[in-house]
Amino acid sequence: MKKHQLLFLTTLFLLAFICSNSFAQVLKPGDGVQITFLDIKDNISGDYFVQPDGKVQLPFIGIIDVNNKDVKEVKREIITKYDSLYRDPQLFVHALFRINILGEVKNPGYYYVREDETIAGILALAGGVTNSGDIESVYIIRDNKEYELNMGNVEDVGKRAIDFGLKSGDQIYVPRTWWADARGVTIIISAAALIVTVLALFLR
């Protein structure tokens, strides 16, 4: 194989490795798993959270170690263990990522987001976007890098957390629209003009 071909293939491999790891989903301490049984009377359904040692305690099947495991692997392990305990249970397992929703939303703060939640659903957790929010430039901030989503785009609105590799610690930021800032400046200028007019009347 020629050197330039080898270099090209090596570059492709490295790019694929970097991309796959930057969007790999893993559970960290403080994250959780949501378990929902539809046909089991035992009190198992609920949210269970990863402890500082990277382990989560689940009813009847005990401790699940999530360290160095992809979310899909963790979900398979949980489902397999419950399958061995119950006969063909109707079981749903979802990851819960703790993220920070900031900017022009009604209730900014930290929220637990399921990996199958859409970006619209995620923003709804924070009360939705305010009238001043720019839905065409919603940013996911991760490791000092920004990934832009356009809520005015049908494809982006339907994207789920798993589609853009949402991770624990990610921030979702909704900026203000330019016209909202312009409106604020206009109000200030108008107020200043009114004050000047009033002063001019008194100083006559």
C-alpha atoms as a PDB file:
ATOM      1  CA  MET A   1       0.000   0.000   0.000  1.00  0.00           C
ATOM      2  CA  LYS A   2       1.322   3.429  -0.934  1.00  0.00           C
ATOM      3  CA  LYS A   3       2.243   5.887   1.781  1.00  0.00           C
ATOM      4  CA  HIS A   4      -0.397   8.461   0.811  1.00  0.00           C
ATOM      5  CA  GLN A   5      -3.125   5.772   0.848  1.00  0.00           C
ATOM      6  CA  LEU A   6      -1.998   4.589   4.291  1.00  0.00           C
ATOM      7  CA  LEU A   7      -1.973   8.185   5.559  1.00  0.00           C
ATOM      8  CA  PHE A   8      -5.469   8.763   4.161  1.00  0.00           C
ATOM      9  CA  LEU A   9      -6.891   5.627   5.829  1.00  0.00           C
ATOM     10  CA  THR A  10      -5.184   6.475   9.126  1.00  0.00           C
ATOM     11  CA  THR A  11      -6.697   9.957   9.048  1.00  0.00           C
ATOM     12  CA  LEU A  12     -10.165   8.540   8.392  1.00  0.00           C
ATOM     13  CA  PHE A  13      -9.782   6.107  11.283  1.00  0.00           C
ATOM     14  CA  LEU A  14      -8.691   8.854  13.681  1.00  0.00           C
ATOM     15  CA  LEU A  15     -11.563  11.108  12.639  1.00  0.00           C
ATOM     16  CA  ALA A  16     -14.056   8.292  13.134  1.00  0.00           C
ATOM     17  CA  PHE A  17     -12.577   7.514  16.537  1.00  0.00           C
ATOM     18  CA  ILE A  18     -12.715  11.133  17.668  1.00  0.00           C
ATOM     19  CA  CYS A  19     -16.291  11.613  16.467  1.00  0.00           C
ATOM     20  CA  SER A  20     -17.536   8.396  18.019  1.00  0.00           C
ATOM     21  CA  ASN A  21     -15.993   9.276  21.376  1.00  0.00           C
ATOM     22  CA  SER A  22     -17.119  12.913  21.367  1.00  0.00           C
ATOM     23  CA  PHE A  23     -20.722  11.773  20.955  1.00  0.00           C
ATOM     24  CA  ALA A  24     -20.553   8.552  22.991  1.00  0.00           C
ATOM     25  CA  GLN A  25     -23.123   8.530  25.759  1.00  0.00           C
ATOM     26  CA  VAL A  26     -22.057   7.384  29.211  1.00  0.00           C
ATOM     27  CA  LEU A  27     -23.603   7.722  32.642  1.00  0.00           C
ATOM     28  CA  LYS A  28     -21.727   9.685  35.282  1.00  0.00           C
ATOM     29  CA  PRO A  29     -22.295  10.072  39.035  1.00  0.00           C
ATOM     30  CA  GLY A  30     -25.452  12.127  39.486  1.00  0.00           C
ATOM     31  CA  ASP A  31     -27.025  10.783  36.289  1.00  0.00           C
ATOM     32  CA  GLY A  32     -29.645   8.068  36.483  1.00  0.00           C
ATOM     33  CA  VAL A  33     -31.721   5.357  34.866  1.00  0.00           C
ATOM     34  CA  GLN A  34     -35.482   5.383  34.584  1.00  0.00           C
ATOM     35  CA  ILE A  35     -37.146   1.976  34.761  1.00  0.00           C
ATOM     36  CA  THR A  36     -40.768   1.438  33.761  1.00  0.00           C
ATOM     37  CA  PHE A  37     -42.571  -1.906  34.069  1.00  0.00           C
ATOM     38  CA  LEU A  38     -46.013  -2.110  32.480  1.00  0.00           C
ATOM     39  CA  ASP A  39     -47.015  -5.581  33.651  1.00  0.00           C
ATOM     40  CA  ILE A  40     -45.247  -6.184  36.988  1.00  0.00           C
ATOM     41  CA  LYS A  41     -46.963  -5.579  40.323  1.00  0.00           C
ATOM     42  CA  ASP A  42     -43.678  -5.305  42.234  1.00  0.00           C
ATOM     43  CA  ASN A  43     -42.751  -1.738  43.099  1.00  0.00           C
ATOM     44  CA  ILE A  44     -39.813  -1.391  40.722  1.00  0.00           C
ATOM     45  CA  SER A  45     -40.671   1.429  38.308  1.00  0.00           C
ATOM     46  CA  GLY A  46     -38.887   4.679  39.127  1.00  0.00           C
ATOM     47  CA  ASP A  47     -35.728   6.737  38.781  1.00  0.00           C
ATOM     48  CA  TYR A  48     -32.448   5.393  40.172  1.00  0.00           C
ATOM     49  CA  PHE A  49     -29.285   7.456  40.361  1.00  0.00           C
ATOM     50  CA  VAL A  50     -25.602   6.712  39.869  1.00  0.00           C
ATOM     51  CA  GLN A  51     -23.570   7.043  43.065  1.00  0.00           C
ATOM     52  CA  PRO A  52     -20.109   8.659  43.314  1.00  0.00           C
ATOM     53  CA  ASP A  53     -18.472   5.240  42.792  1.00  0.00           C
ATOM     54  CA  GLY A  54     -20.198   4.853  39.409  1.00  0.00           C
ATOM     55  CA  LYS A  55     -22.673   2.231  40.571  1.00  0.00           C
ATOM     56  CA  VAL A  56     -26.461   2.192  40.743  1.00  0.00           C
ATOM     57  CA  GLN A  57     -28.558   0.000  43.048  1.00  0.00           C
ATOM     58  CA  LEU A  58     -31.658  -1.496  41.416  1.00  0.00           C
ATOM     59  CA  PRO A  59     -34.497  -3.509  43.023  1.00  0.00           C
ATOM     60  CA  PHE A  60     -34.051  -7.301  43.063  1.00  0.00           C
ATOM     61  CA  ILE A  61     -31.097  -7.389  40.637  1.00  0.00           C
ATOM     62  CA  GLY A  62     -28.683  -5.460  42.846  1.00  0.00           C
ATOM     63  CA  ILE A  63     -25.784  -3.274  41.800  1.00  0.00           C
ATOM     64  CA  ILE A  64     -25.071  -2.263  38.200  1.00  0.00           C
ATOM     65  CA  ASP A  65     -21.615  -0.846  37.526  1.00  0.00           C
ATOM     66  CA  VAL A  66     -21.799   1.828  34.802  1.00  0.00           C
ATOM     67  CA  ASN A  67     -18.110   2.739  34.818  1.00  0.00           C
ATOM     68  CA  ASN A  68     -16.558   2.711  31.337  1.00  0.00           C
ATOM     69  CA  LYS A  69     -19.788   1.439  29.763  1.00  0.00           C
ATOM     70  CA  ASP A  70     -21.817   2.955  26.961  1.00  0.00           C
ATOM     71  CA  VAL A  71     -25.451   3.699  27.792  1.00  0.00           C
ATOM     72  CA  LYS A  72     -26.628   1.024  25.356  1.00  0.00           C
ATOM     73  CA  GLU A  73     -24.512  -1.569  27.149  1.00  0.00           C
ATOM     74  CA  VAL A  74     -25.900  -0.536  30.544  1.00  0.00           C
ATOM     75  CA  LYS A  75     -29.473  -0.754  29.269  1.00  0.00           C
ATOM     76  CA  ARG A  76     -28.863  -4.202  27.784  1.00  0.00           C
ATOM     77  CA  GLU A  77     -27.410  -5.439  31.079  1.00  0.00           C
ATOM     78  CA  ILE A  78     -30.410  -4.176  33.066  1.00  0.00           C
ATOM     79  CA  ILE A  79     -32.943  -5.627  30.642  1.00  0.00           C
ATOM     80  CA  THR A  80     -31.131  -8.983  30.518  1.00  0.00           C
ATOM     81  CA  LYS A  81     -31.087  -9.282  34.315  1.00  0.00           C
ATOM     82  CA  TYR A  82     -34.769  -8.442  34.662  1.00  0.00           C
ATOM     83  CA  ASP A  83     -35.610 -10.804  31.801  1.00  0.00           C
ATOM     84  CA  SER A  84     -34.004 -13.607  33.802  1.00  0.00           C
ATOM     85  CA  LEU A  85     -36.098 -12.634  36.822  1.00  0.00           C
ATOM     86  CA  TYR A  86     -39.476 -12.152  35.124  1.00  0.00           C
ATOM     87  CA  ARG A  87     -40.991 -13.902  32.135  1.00  0.00           C
ATOM     88  CA  ASP A  88     -41.079 -11.609  29.087  1.00  0.00           C
ATOM     89  CA  PRO A  89     -41.666  -8.413  31.065  1.00  0.00           C
ATOM     90  CA  GLN A  90     -42.861  -5.238  29.336  1.00  0.00           C
ATOM     91  CA  LEU A  91     -39.885  -3.221  30.440  1.00  0.00           C
ATOM     92  CA  PHE A  92     -38.525   0.143  29.353  1.00  0.00           C
ATOM     93  CA  VAL A  93     -35.146   1.483  30.481  1.00  0.00           C
ATOM     94  CA  HIS A  94     -34.025   5.046  29.783  1.00  0.00           C
ATOM     95  CA  ALA A  95     -30.895   6.981  30.677  1.00  0.00           C
ATOM     96  CA  LEU A  96     -31.273  10.246  32.596  1.00  0.00           C
ATOM     97  CA  PHE A  97     -28.655  12.923  31.943  1.00  0.00           C
ATOM     98  CA  ARG A  98     -28.273  15.925  34.249  1.00  0.00           C
ATOM     99  CA  ILE A  99     -27.926  19.035  32.095  1.00  0.00           C
ATOM    100  CA  ASN A 100     -28.151  22.791  32.538  1.00  0.00           C
ATOM    101  CA  ILE A 101     -30.701  24.754  30.478  1.00  0.00           C
ATOM    102  CA  LEU A 102     -29.771  28.436  30.265  1.00  0.00           C
ATOM    103  CA  GLY A 103     -30.688  31.664  28.558  1.00  0.00           C
ATOM    104  CA  GLU A 104     -34.111  32.704  27.338  1.00  0.00           C
ATOM    105  CA  VAL A 105     -36.214  29.975  28.962  1.00  0.00           C
ATOM    106  CA  LYS A 106     -38.839  30.562  31.632  1.00  0.00           C
ATOM    107  CA  ASN A 107     -37.248  28.397  34.325  1.00  0.00           C
ATOM    108  CA  PRO A 108     -33.489  28.027  33.738  1.00  0.00           C
ATOM    109  CA  GLY A 109     -31.636  25.440  35.791  1.00  0.00           C
ATOM    110  CA  TYR A 110     -30.585  21.807  36.010  1.00  0.00           C
ATOM    111  CA  TYR A 111     -32.879  19.083  34.676  1.00  0.00           C
ATOM    112  CA  TYR A 112     -32.803  15.335  34.109  1.00  0.00           C
ATOM    113  CA  VAL A 113     -33.273  14.552  30.440  1.00  0.00           C
ATOM    114  CA  ARG A 114     -34.057  11.165  28.892  1.00  0.00           C
ATOM    115  CA  GLU A 115     -32.000  10.110  25.907  1.00  0.00           C
ATOM    116  CA  ASP A 116     -35.134   9.780  23.741  1.00  0.00           C
ATOM    117  CA  GLU A 117     -36.415  13.288  24.524  1.00  0.00           C
ATOM    118  CA  THR A 118     -36.614  15.754  21.633  1.00  0.00           C
ATOM    119  CA  ILE A 119     -34.965  19.158  21.793  1.00  0.00           C
ATOM    120  CA  ALA A 120     -38.439  20.726  21.953  1.00  0.00           C
ATOM    121  CA  GLY A 121     -39.320  18.481  24.895  1.00  0.00           C
ATOM    122  CA  ILE A 122     -36.070  19.348  26.649  1.00  0.00           C
ATOM    123  CA  LEU A 123     -36.776  23.074  26.417  1.00  0.00           C
ATOM    124  CA  ALA A 124     -40.306  22.407  27.662  1.00  0.00           C
ATOM    125  CA  LEU A 125     -38.805  21.023  30.884  1.00  0.00           C
ATOM    126  CA  ALA A 126     -37.561  24.548  31.573  1.00  0.00           C
ATOM    127  CA  GLY A 127     -40.971  26.062  30.886  1.00  0.00           C
ATOM    128  CA  GLY A 128     -40.329  26.700  27.205  1.00  0.00           C
ATOM    129  CA  VAL A 129     -38.621  29.544  25.363  1.00  0.00           C
ATOM    130  CA  THR A 130     -39.484  33.128  26.312  1.00  0.00           C
ATOM    131  CA  ASN A 131     -40.785  35.659  23.779  1.00  0.00           C
ATOM    132  CA  SER A 132     -37.270  37.059  23.550  1.00  0.00           C
ATOM    133  CA  GLY A 133     -35.624  33.712  22.792  1.00  0.00           C
ATOM    134  CA  ASP A 134     -33.984  33.027  19.446  1.00  0.00           C
ATOM    135  CA  ILE A 135     -35.244  29.560  18.504  1.00  0.00           C
ATOM    136  CA  GLU A 136     -33.192  29.567  15.318  1.00  0.00           C
ATOM    137  CA  SER A 137     -29.910  29.530  17.262  1.00  0.00           C
ATOM    138  CA  VAL A 138     -30.127  27.100  20.162  1.00  0.00           C
ATOM    139  CA  TYR A 139     -26.673  26.015  21.329  1.00  0.00           C
ATOM    140  CA  ILE A 140     -25.455  22.843  22.986  1.00  0.00           C
ATOM    141  CA  ILE A 141     -22.266  23.747  24.866  1.00  0.00           C
ATOM    142  CA  ARG A 142     -19.863  20.907  25.619  1.00  0.00           C
ATOM    143  CA  ASP A 143     -16.205  21.103  26.605  1.00  0.00           C
ATOM    144  CA  ASN A 144     -16.062  24.789  25.571  1.00  0.00           C
ATOM    145  CA  LYS A 145     -17.398  23.922  22.114  1.00  0.00           C
ATOM    146  CA  GLU A 146     -20.756  24.955  20.665  1.00  0.00           C
ATOM    147  CA  TYR A 147     -23.134  22.897  18.520  1.00  0.00           C
ATOM    148  CA  GLU A 148     -25.941  24.929  16.971  1.00  0.00           C
ATOM    149  CA  LEU A 149     -29.522  23.734  16.460  1.00  0.00           C
ATOM    150  CA  ASN A 150     -32.246  25.584  14.562  1.00  0.00           C
ATOM    151  CA  MET A 151     -35.666  25.144  16.160  1.00  0.00           C
ATOM    152  CA  GLY A 152     -37.180  26.679  13.063  1.00  0.00           C
ATOM    153  CA  ASN A 153     -35.889  23.695  11.097  1.00  0.00           C
ATOM    154  CA  VAL A 154     -38.226  20.686  11.113  1.00  0.00           C
ATOM    155  CA  GLU A 155     -35.298  18.238  11.164  1.00  0.00           C
ATOM    156  CA  ASP A 156     -33.679  19.878  14.195  1.00  0.00           C
ATOM    157  CA  VAL A 157     -36.972  20.145  16.116  1.00  0.00           C
ATOM    158  CA  GLY A 158     -37.452  16.378  15.822  1.00  0.00           C
ATOM    159  CA  LYS A 159     -33.926  15.503  16.930  1.00  0.00           C
ATOM    160  CA  ARG A 160     -33.666  13.529  20.139  1.00  0.00           C
ATOM    161  CA  ALA A 161     -31.016  13.793  22.810  1.00  0.00           C
ATOM    162  CA  ILE A 162     -29.488  10.548  21.558  1.00  0.00           C
ATOM    163  CA  ASP A 163     -29.215  11.990  18.023  1.00  0.00           C
ATOM    164  CA  PHE A 164     -26.860  14.768  19.088  1.00  0.00           C
ATOM    165  CA  GLY A 165     -25.122  12.690  21.758  1.00  0.00           C
ATOM    166  CA  LEU A 166     -26.370  14.568  24.818  1.00  0.00           C
ATOM    167  CA  LYS A 167     -24.029  14.061  27.768  1.00  0.00           C
ATOM    168  CA  SER A 168     -24.089  14.713  31.465  1.00  0.00           C
ATOM    169  CA  GLY A 169     -22.841  18.234  32.100  1.00  0.00           C
ATOM    170  CA  ASP A 170     -23.929  19.593  28.723  1.00  0.00           C
ATOM    171  CA  GLN A 171     -25.475  23.046  28.633  1.00  0.00           C
ATOM    172  CA  ILE A 172     -28.338  24.052  26.369  1.00  0.00           C
ATOM    173  CA  TYR A 173     -28.360  27.789  25.798  1.00  0.00           C
ATOM    174  CA  VAL A 174     -31.112  29.853  24.166  1.00  0.00           C
ATOM    175  CA  PRO A 175     -29.837  33.354  23.234  1.00  0.00           C
ATOM    176  CA  ARG A 176     -31.894  36.525  22.900  1.00  0.00           C
ATOM    177  CA  THR A 177     -33.087  37.647  19.486  1.00  0.00           C
ATOM    178  CA  TRP A 178     -31.467  40.750  18.055  1.00  0.00           C
ATOM    179  CA  TRP A 179     -34.824  42.550  17.942  1.00  0.00           C
ATOM    180  CA  ALA A 180     -35.360  41.921  21.666  1.00  0.00           C
ATOM    181  CA  ASP A 181     -32.096  43.725  22.388  1.00  0.00           C
ATOM    182  CA  ALA A 182     -33.000  46.442  19.892  1.00  0.00           C
ATOM    183  CA  ARG A 183     -36.377  46.878  21.587  1.00  0.00           C
ATOM    184  CA  GLY A 184     -34.620  47.321  24.943  1.00  0.00           C
ATOM    185  CA  VAL A 185     -32.350  50.004  23.482  1.00  0.00           C
ATOM    186  CA  THR A 186     -35.370  51.773  21.960  1.00  0.00           C
ATOM    187  CA  ILE A 187     -37.139  51.851  25.332  1.00  0.00           C
ATOM    188  CA  ILE A 188     -34.039  53.302  27.013  1.00  0.00           C
ATOM    189  CA  ILE A 189     -33.682  55.977  24.327  1.00  0.00           C
ATOM    190  CA  SER A 190     -37.373  56.840  24.580  1.00  0.00           C
ATOM    191  CA  ALA A 191     -37.139  57.104  28.362  1.00  0.00           C
ATOM    192  CA  ALA A 192     -34.065  59.310  28.095  1.00  0.00           C
ATOM    193  CA  ALA A 193     -35.828  61.544  25.574  1.00  0.00           C
ATOM    194  CA  LEU A 194     -38.825  61.874  27.910  1.00  0.00           C
ATOM    195  CA  ILE A 195     -36.564  62.891  30.812  1.00  0.00           C
ATOM    196  CA  VAL A 196     -34.841  65.507  28.639  1.00  0.00           C
ATOM    197  CA  THR A 197     -38.219  66.898  27.569  1.00  0.00           C
ATOM    198  CA  VAL A 198     -39.459  67.130  31.166  1.00  0.00           C
ATOM    199  CA  LEU A 199     -36.253  68.853  32.300  1.00  0.00           C
ATOM    200  CA  ALA A 200     -36.504  71.305  29.433  1.00  0.00           C
ATOM    201  CA  LEU A 201     -40.026  72.275  30.522  1.00  0.00           C
ATOM    202  CA  PHE A 202     -38.905  72.892  34.115  1.00  0.00           C
ATOM    203  CA  LEU A 203     -35.868  74.898  33.068  1.00  0.00           C
ATOM    204  CA  ARG A 204     -37.770  77.379  30.949  1.00  0.00           C
END
